[in-house]
Amino acid sequence: MNNHHSNTEEESKTLHIGFDDTDSTNGRCTTHLAYLLTNTLVKKFKVNFIDFPLLIRLNPNIPLKTRGNGAVCLRIKGKRYDEIKEEAIYFIENYSDIENGANPGLAFYEENNIANDIISLSNNAMDTVLSKQL
């Protein structure tokens, strides 16, 4: 009985998968990695995307950018979120250009609405160089 409640609760939440800096000045591309991951999530996990993948344009004046300075967010509804997270981690670890300087970041958020502190962080990042925060 508890498992059923857990699955129902999981299905009602949106899983946000955000990632960036998987490319380097030598190659690879964060949006291409998003394409590869999206295809795998559809085929392997039969996920339902709540919308198209989001391309998040980041501060164009940031000194640490590679080329286009864009991040990606995938938003899905479904089941097996733990397995989906493991798959995303696998893709980031194996398809990022780490050997040429990529320093990828990956974030998961399981809620339907974005919390105010995350919105505030996003707004600050529009025109400020931020340090890593946990």
N, C-alpha and C. Protein backbone atom coordinates (compact mmCIF):
# COMPACT_ATOMS: atom_id res chain seq x y z
N MET A 1 0.82 -1.19 0.00
CA MET A 1 0.00 0.00 0.00
C MET A 1 0.87 1.26 0.00
N ASN A 2 1.93 1.26 0.79
CA ASN A 2 2.81 2.40 0.83
C ASN A 2 3.48 2.67 -0.51
N ASN A 3 3.87 1.62 -1.22
CA ASN A 3 4.49 1.80 -2.53
C ASN A 3 3.55 2.50 -3.50
N HIS A 4 2.27 2.17 -3.45
CA HIS A 4 1.32 2.81 -4.35
C HIS A 4 1.25 4.31 -4.06
N HIS A 5 1.21 4.68 -2.79
CA HIS A 5 1.18 6.10 -2.44
C HIS A 5 2.45 6.79 -2.94
N SER A 6 3.58 6.13 -2.77
CA SER A 6 4.85 6.69 -3.21
C SER A 6 4.86 6.92 -4.72
N ASN A 7 4.38 5.94 -5.50
CA ASN A 7 4.33 6.11 -6.95
C ASN A 7 3.39 7.22 -7.35
N THR A 8 2.23 7.30 -6.70
CA THR A 8 1.27 8.35 -7.02
C THR A 8 1.86 9.71 -6.70
N GLU A 9 2.53 9.81 -5.56
CA GLU A 9 3.15 11.08 -5.18
C GLU A 9 4.25 11.45 -6.17
N GLU A 10 5.07 10.46 -6.58
CA GLU A 10 6.14 10.70 -7.54
C GLU A 10 5.57 11.17 -8.87
N GLU A 11 4.49 10.53 -9.32
CA GLU A 11 3.90 10.89 -10.60
C GLU A 11 3.31 12.29 -10.59
N SER A 12 2.92 12.79 -9.41
CA SER A 12 2.31 14.10 -9.36
C SER A 12 3.35 15.22 -9.36
N LYS A 13 4.60 14.89 -9.06
CA LYS A 13 5.66 15.90 -9.05
C LYS A 13 6.35 15.96 -10.40
N THR A 14 6.84 17.14 -10.70
CA THR A 14 7.64 17.33 -11.91
C THR A 14 9.10 17.14 -11.54
N LEU A 15 9.83 16.39 -12.36
CA LEU A 15 11.28 16.26 -12.19
C LEU A 15 11.94 17.22 -13.17
N HIS A 16 12.68 18.17 -12.63
CA HIS A 16 13.45 19.12 -13.43
C HIS A 16 14.89 18.62 -13.44
N ILE A 17 15.47 18.49 -14.63
CA ILE A 17 16.86 18.07 -14.78
C ILE A 17 17.58 19.21 -15.48
N GLY A 18 18.47 19.87 -14.77
CA GLY A 18 19.20 21.00 -15.34
C GLY A 18 20.68 20.68 -15.44
N PHE A 19 21.30 21.09 -16.54
CA PHE A 19 22.74 20.86 -16.69
C PHE A 19 23.37 21.90 -17.60
N ASP A 20 24.68 22.08 -17.41
CA ASP A 20 25.42 23.07 -18.17
C ASP A 20 26.90 22.72 -18.15
N ASP A 21 27.65 23.39 -19.00
CA ASP A 21 29.10 23.30 -19.08
C ASP A 21 29.56 21.87 -19.36
N THR A 22 28.92 21.24 -20.33
CA THR A 22 29.35 19.91 -20.76
C THR A 22 30.27 20.00 -21.97
N ASP A 23 30.41 21.21 -22.52
CA ASP A 23 31.26 21.42 -23.70
C ASP A 23 32.56 22.10 -23.29
N SER A 24 33.44 22.25 -24.24
CA SER A 24 34.68 23.00 -24.04
C SER A 24 34.90 23.85 -25.28
N THR A 25 35.95 24.65 -25.25
CA THR A 25 36.26 25.45 -26.45
C THR A 25 36.70 24.55 -27.59
N ASN A 26 37.04 23.29 -27.30
CA ASN A 26 37.46 22.34 -28.33
C ASN A 26 36.31 21.56 -28.95
N GLY A 27 35.15 21.56 -28.32
CA GLY A 27 34.06 20.80 -28.91
C GLY A 27 32.99 20.36 -27.94
N ARG A 28 32.14 19.50 -28.46
CA ARG A 28 30.95 18.99 -27.79
C ARG A 28 29.96 20.13 -27.59
N CYS A 29 28.78 19.77 -27.12
CA CYS A 29 27.71 20.77 -27.07
C CYS A 29 26.67 20.35 -26.04
N THR A 30 26.31 21.24 -25.15
CA THR A 30 25.33 20.94 -24.11
C THR A 30 23.97 20.62 -24.72
N THR A 31 23.58 21.33 -25.77
CA THR A 31 22.27 21.05 -26.37
C THR A 31 22.28 19.70 -27.09
N HIS A 32 23.40 19.29 -27.65
CA HIS A 32 23.47 17.97 -28.28
C HIS A 32 23.39 16.88 -27.22
N LEU A 33 24.03 17.09 -26.08
CA LEU A 33 23.92 16.13 -24.99
C LEU A 33 22.46 16.03 -24.54
N ALA A 34 21.76 17.17 -24.51
CA ALA A 34 20.33 17.16 -24.15
C ALA A 34 19.53 16.32 -25.13
N TYR A 35 19.86 16.43 -26.40
CA TYR A 35 19.20 15.62 -27.43
C TYR A 35 19.42 14.13 -27.17
N LEU A 36 20.67 13.74 -26.91
CA LEU A 36 20.98 12.34 -26.66
C LEU A 36 20.27 11.82 -25.41
N LEU A 37 20.30 12.60 -24.34
CA LEU A 37 19.64 12.20 -23.10
C LEU A 37 18.13 12.11 -23.28
N THR A 38 17.56 13.08 -23.97
CA THR A 38 16.11 13.08 -24.23
C THR A 38 15.69 11.82 -24.97
N ASN A 39 16.41 11.48 -26.02
CA ASN A 39 16.10 10.25 -26.77
C ASN A 39 16.14 9.02 -25.87
N THR A 40 17.15 8.93 -25.04
CA THR A 40 17.27 7.78 -24.15
C THR A 40 16.14 7.74 -23.13
N LEU A 41 15.78 8.88 -22.57
CA LEU A 41 14.70 8.91 -21.58
C LEU A 41 13.37 8.48 -22.19
N VAL A 42 13.14 8.88 -23.43
CA VAL A 42 11.90 8.49 -24.11
C VAL A 42 11.90 6.99 -24.39
N LYS A 43 12.99 6.48 -24.94
CA LYS A 43 13.05 5.07 -25.32
C LYS A 43 13.13 4.14 -24.12
N LYS A 44 13.95 4.46 -23.16
CA LYS A 44 14.21 3.56 -22.05
C LYS A 44 13.19 3.68 -20.92
N PHE A 45 12.71 4.90 -20.65
CA PHE A 45 11.85 5.13 -19.50
C PHE A 45 10.44 5.58 -19.87
N LYS A 46 10.19 5.79 -21.16
CA LYS A 46 8.86 6.21 -21.62
C LYS A 46 8.37 7.46 -20.87
N VAL A 47 9.27 8.42 -20.66
CA VAL A 47 8.91 9.62 -19.90
C VAL A 47 7.95 10.50 -20.69
N ASN A 48 7.22 11.32 -19.97
CA ASN A 48 6.35 12.33 -20.56
C ASN A 48 6.95 13.70 -20.24
N PHE A 49 7.37 14.40 -21.27
CA PHE A 49 7.88 15.75 -21.08
C PHE A 49 6.70 16.69 -20.92
N ILE A 50 6.79 17.63 -19.99
CA ILE A 50 5.67 18.56 -19.81
C ILE A 50 5.75 19.71 -20.80
N ASP A 51 6.90 19.84 -21.45
CA ASP A 51 7.06 20.84 -22.51
C ASP A 51 8.35 20.51 -23.27
N PHE A 52 8.71 21.36 -24.19
CA PHE A 52 9.96 21.16 -24.93
C PHE A 52 11.14 21.37 -23.98
N PRO A 53 12.30 20.80 -24.28
CA PRO A 53 13.49 21.11 -23.47
C PRO A 53 13.72 22.62 -23.48
N LEU A 54 14.09 23.14 -22.32
CA LEU A 54 14.31 24.57 -22.19
C LEU A 54 15.78 24.89 -22.41
N LEU A 55 16.05 25.84 -23.29
CA LEU A 55 17.40 26.36 -23.47
C LEU A 55 17.47 27.65 -22.66
N ILE A 56 18.29 27.66 -21.64
CA ILE A 56 18.40 28.81 -20.75
C ILE A 56 19.63 29.60 -21.15
N ARG A 57 19.39 30.78 -21.68
CA ARG A 57 20.49 31.65 -22.09
C ARG A 57 21.05 32.31 -20.84
N LEU A 58 22.34 32.15 -20.62
CA LEU A 58 22.99 32.67 -19.43
C LEU A 58 23.70 33.98 -19.74
N ASN A 59 24.21 34.60 -18.71
CA ASN A 59 24.90 35.87 -18.80
C ASN A 59 25.96 35.83 -19.91
N PRO A 60 25.79 36.61 -20.98
CA PRO A 60 26.74 36.57 -22.10
C PRO A 60 28.09 37.19 -21.76
N ASN A 61 28.18 37.93 -20.66
CA ASN A 61 29.42 38.60 -20.28
C ASN A 61 30.24 37.81 -19.27
N ILE A 62 29.82 36.62 -18.97
CA ILE A 62 30.53 35.81 -17.97
C ILE A 62 31.91 35.43 -18.51
N PRO A 63 32.97 35.60 -17.75
CA PRO A 63 34.31 35.31 -18.28
C PRO A 63 34.59 33.81 -18.44
N LEU A 64 33.81 32.95 -17.83
CA LEU A 64 34.09 31.51 -17.83
C LEU A 64 33.36 30.74 -18.91
N LYS A 65 32.62 31.40 -19.78
CA LYS A 65 31.81 30.69 -20.76
C LYS A 65 32.68 30.03 -21.83
N THR A 66 32.11 29.04 -22.50
CA THR A 66 32.82 28.40 -23.60
C THR A 66 32.44 29.08 -24.91
N ARG A 67 31.21 28.85 -25.36
CA ARG A 67 30.78 29.47 -26.62
C ARG A 67 29.48 30.23 -26.41
N GLY A 68 28.36 29.53 -26.50
CA GLY A 68 27.07 30.19 -26.45
C GLY A 68 26.57 30.52 -25.06
N ASN A 69 27.12 29.87 -24.05
CA ASN A 69 26.74 30.07 -22.65
C ASN A 69 25.26 29.84 -22.41
N GLY A 70 24.81 28.64 -22.75
CA GLY A 70 23.43 28.26 -22.49
C GLY A 70 23.38 26.95 -21.72
N ALA A 71 22.40 26.86 -20.84
CA ALA A 71 22.15 25.64 -20.07
C ALA A 71 20.86 25.01 -20.59
N VAL A 72 20.59 23.79 -20.16
CA VAL A 72 19.39 23.07 -20.60
C VAL A 72 18.63 22.58 -19.38
N CYS A 73 17.31 22.61 -19.47
CA CYS A 73 16.45 22.03 -18.45
C CYS A 73 15.42 21.14 -19.12
N LEU A 74 15.33 19.90 -18.65
CA LEU A 74 14.31 18.96 -19.10
C LEU A 74 13.30 18.81 -17.96
N ARG A 75 12.01 18.91 -18.28
CA ARG A 75 10.98 18.80 -17.24
C ARG A 75 10.04 17.66 -17.61
N ILE A 76 9.95 16.69 -16.70
CA ILE A 76 9.19 15.48 -17.00
C ILE A 76 8.25 15.09 -15.86
N LYS A 77 7.26 14.30 -16.23
CA LYS A 77 6.37 13.63 -15.28
C LYS A 77 6.52 12.15 -15.53
N GLY A 78 6.45 11.37 -14.49
CA GLY A 78 6.54 9.93 -14.71
C GLY A 78 6.90 9.17 -13.47
N LYS A 79 7.57 8.07 -13.69
CA LYS A 79 7.97 7.16 -12.62
C LYS A 79 9.47 6.93 -12.71
N ARG A 80 9.98 6.19 -11.76
CA ARG A 80 11.38 5.74 -11.78
C ARG A 80 12.37 6.91 -11.77
N TYR A 81 12.06 7.93 -10.99
CA TYR A 81 12.92 9.11 -10.97
C TYR A 81 14.34 8.79 -10.54
N ASP A 82 14.52 7.85 -9.60
CA ASP A 82 15.88 7.50 -9.17
C ASP A 82 16.69 6.93 -10.34
N GLU A 83 16.07 6.08 -11.14
CA GLU A 83 16.76 5.50 -12.29
C GLU A 83 17.03 6.56 -13.36
N ILE A 84 16.10 7.47 -13.54
CA ILE A 84 16.27 8.55 -14.51
C ILE A 84 17.43 9.45 -14.09
N LYS A 85 17.53 9.73 -12.80
CA LYS A 85 18.65 10.54 -12.30
C LYS A 85 19.98 9.84 -12.56
N GLU A 86 20.03 8.54 -12.32
CA GLU A 86 21.25 7.78 -12.58
C GLU A 86 21.63 7.84 -14.06
N GLU A 87 20.63 7.76 -14.92
CA GLU A 87 20.89 7.85 -16.37
C GLU A 87 21.45 9.22 -16.73
N ALA A 88 20.88 10.28 -16.15
CA ALA A 88 21.38 11.64 -16.42
C ALA A 88 22.81 11.79 -15.93
N ILE A 89 23.11 11.26 -14.77
CA ILE A 89 24.48 11.31 -14.24
C ILE A 89 25.43 10.59 -15.19
N TYR A 90 25.02 9.42 -15.66
CA TYR A 90 25.84 8.66 -16.61
C TYR A 90 26.15 9.50 -17.86
N PHE A 91 25.13 10.15 -18.41
CA PHE A 91 25.32 10.95 -19.62
C PHE A 91 26.26 12.12 -19.37
N ILE A 92 26.09 12.81 -18.25
CA ILE A 92 26.94 13.95 -17.93
C ILE A 92 28.39 13.49 -17.76
N GLU A 93 28.58 12.37 -17.07
CA GLU A 93 29.94 11.87 -16.84
C GLU A 93 30.61 11.35 -18.11
N ASN A 94 29.83 10.79 -19.03
CA ASN A 94 30.41 10.12 -20.19
C ASN A 94 30.35 10.91 -21.49
N TYR A 95 29.55 11.95 -21.56
CA TYR A 95 29.42 12.71 -22.80
C TYR A 95 29.83 14.17 -22.66
N SER A 96 30.38 14.55 -21.52
CA SER A 96 30.92 15.89 -21.34
C SER A 96 32.38 15.90 -21.77
N ASP A 97 32.86 17.06 -22.20
CA ASP A 97 34.24 17.18 -22.68
C ASP A 97 35.17 17.55 -21.53
N ILE A 98 35.14 16.76 -20.48
CA ILE A 98 35.90 17.04 -19.26
C ILE A 98 37.40 17.08 -19.53
N GLU A 99 37.88 16.19 -20.38
CA GLU A 99 39.33 16.14 -20.66
C GLU A 99 39.84 17.42 -21.32
N ASN A 100 38.95 18.23 -21.87
CA ASN A 100 39.34 19.49 -22.50
C ASN A 100 38.84 20.71 -21.74
N GLY A 101 38.49 20.53 -20.47
CA GLY A 101 38.17 21.69 -19.64
C GLY A 101 36.72 21.87 -19.25
N ALA A 102 35.82 21.04 -19.74
CA ALA A 102 34.42 21.17 -19.31
C ALA A 102 34.34 20.89 -17.81
N ASN A 103 33.47 21.61 -17.14
CA ASN A 103 33.27 21.45 -15.70
C ASN A 103 31.76 21.37 -15.47
N PRO A 104 31.15 20.24 -15.86
CA PRO A 104 29.69 20.16 -15.89
C PRO A 104 29.03 20.26 -14.52
N GLY A 105 27.85 20.84 -14.55
CA GLY A 105 26.99 20.89 -13.38
C GLY A 105 25.68 20.22 -13.72
N LEU A 106 25.11 19.53 -12.75
CA LEU A 106 23.85 18.81 -12.93
C LEU A 106 23.01 19.01 -11.69
N ALA A 107 21.75 19.38 -11.89
CA ALA A 107 20.86 19.60 -10.75
C ALA A 107 19.52 18.92 -11.00
N PHE A 108 18.97 18.37 -9.93
CA PHE A 108 17.64 17.76 -9.97
C PHE A 108 16.75 18.50 -8.98
N TYR A 109 15.50 18.71 -9.38
CA TYR A 109 14.54 19.38 -8.52
C TYR A 109 13.20 18.70 -8.74
N GLU A 110 12.60 18.21 -7.65
CA GLU A 110 11.34 17.47 -7.75
C GLU A 110 10.21 18.25 -7.10
N GLU A 111 9.64 19.15 -7.80
CA GLU A 111 8.46 19.91 -7.37
C GLU A 111 7.77 20.45 -8.61
N ASN A 112 6.52 20.80 -8.46
CA ASN A 112 5.81 21.39 -9.60
C ASN A 112 6.13 22.86 -9.76
N ASN A 113 6.31 23.57 -8.66
CA ASN A 113 6.60 25.00 -8.71
C ASN A 113 8.02 25.26 -8.25
N ILE A 114 8.65 26.25 -8.85
CA ILE A 114 10.02 26.60 -8.51
C ILE A 114 10.01 27.47 -7.25
N ALA A 115 10.84 27.10 -6.28
CA ALA A 115 10.91 27.83 -5.00
C ALA A 115 11.46 29.23 -5.21
N ASN A 116 11.05 30.16 -4.35
CA ASN A 116 11.47 31.55 -4.46
C ASN A 116 12.98 31.73 -4.35
N ASP A 117 13.67 30.92 -3.53
CA ASP A 117 15.12 31.08 -3.41
C ASP A 117 15.83 30.68 -4.70
N ILE A 118 15.27 29.74 -5.44
CA ILE A 118 15.85 29.37 -6.74
C ILE A 118 15.60 30.47 -7.76
N ILE A 119 14.43 31.05 -7.74
CA ILE A 119 14.12 32.17 -8.63
C ILE A 119 15.05 33.34 -8.33
N SER A 120 15.28 33.62 -7.05
CA SER A 120 16.18 34.70 -6.65
C SER A 120 17.61 34.44 -7.13
N LEU A 121 18.09 33.22 -6.97
CA LEU A 121 19.42 32.85 -7.45
C LEU A 121 19.51 33.06 -8.96
N SER A 122 18.49 32.65 -9.68
CA SER A 122 18.47 32.81 -11.14
C SER A 122 18.53 34.28 -11.53
N ASN A 123 17.75 35.10 -10.85
CA ASN A 123 17.76 36.53 -11.15
C ASN A 123 19.13 37.15 -10.88
N ASN A 124 19.78 36.75 -9.79
CA ASN A 124 21.12 37.27 -9.48
C ASN A 124 22.13 36.84 -10.53
N ALA A 125 21.97 35.65 -11.06
CA ALA A 125 22.93 35.12 -12.04
C ALA A 125 22.83 35.83 -13.39
N MET A 126 21.78 36.59 -13.60
CA MET A 126 21.62 37.27 -14.88
C MET A 126 22.70 38.32 -15.12
N ASP A 127 23.20 38.96 -14.05
CA ASP A 127 24.18 40.02 -14.25
C ASP A 127 25.31 40.01 -13.23
N THR A 128 25.47 38.89 -12.54
CA THR A 128 26.50 38.77 -11.51
C THR A 128 27.24 37.45 -11.69
N VAL A 129 28.54 37.45 -11.42
CA VAL A 129 29.30 36.21 -11.41
C VAL A 129 29.12 35.59 -10.03
N LEU A 130 28.53 34.40 -9.99
CA LEU A 130 28.25 33.74 -8.73
C LEU A 130 29.28 32.65 -8.45
N SER A 131 29.53 32.39 -7.18
CA SER A 131 30.38 31.26 -6.81
C SER A 131 29.48 30.05 -6.59
N LYS A 132 30.10 28.87 -6.50
CA LYS A 132 29.32 27.65 -6.28
C LYS A 132 28.62 27.72 -4.94
N GLN A 133 27.36 27.28 -4.94
CA GLN A 133 26.58 27.23 -3.72
C GLN A 133 25.96 25.85 -3.63
N LEU A 134 25.92 25.30 -2.44
CA LEU A 134 25.31 23.99 -2.24
C LEU A 134 23.98 24.14 -1.55
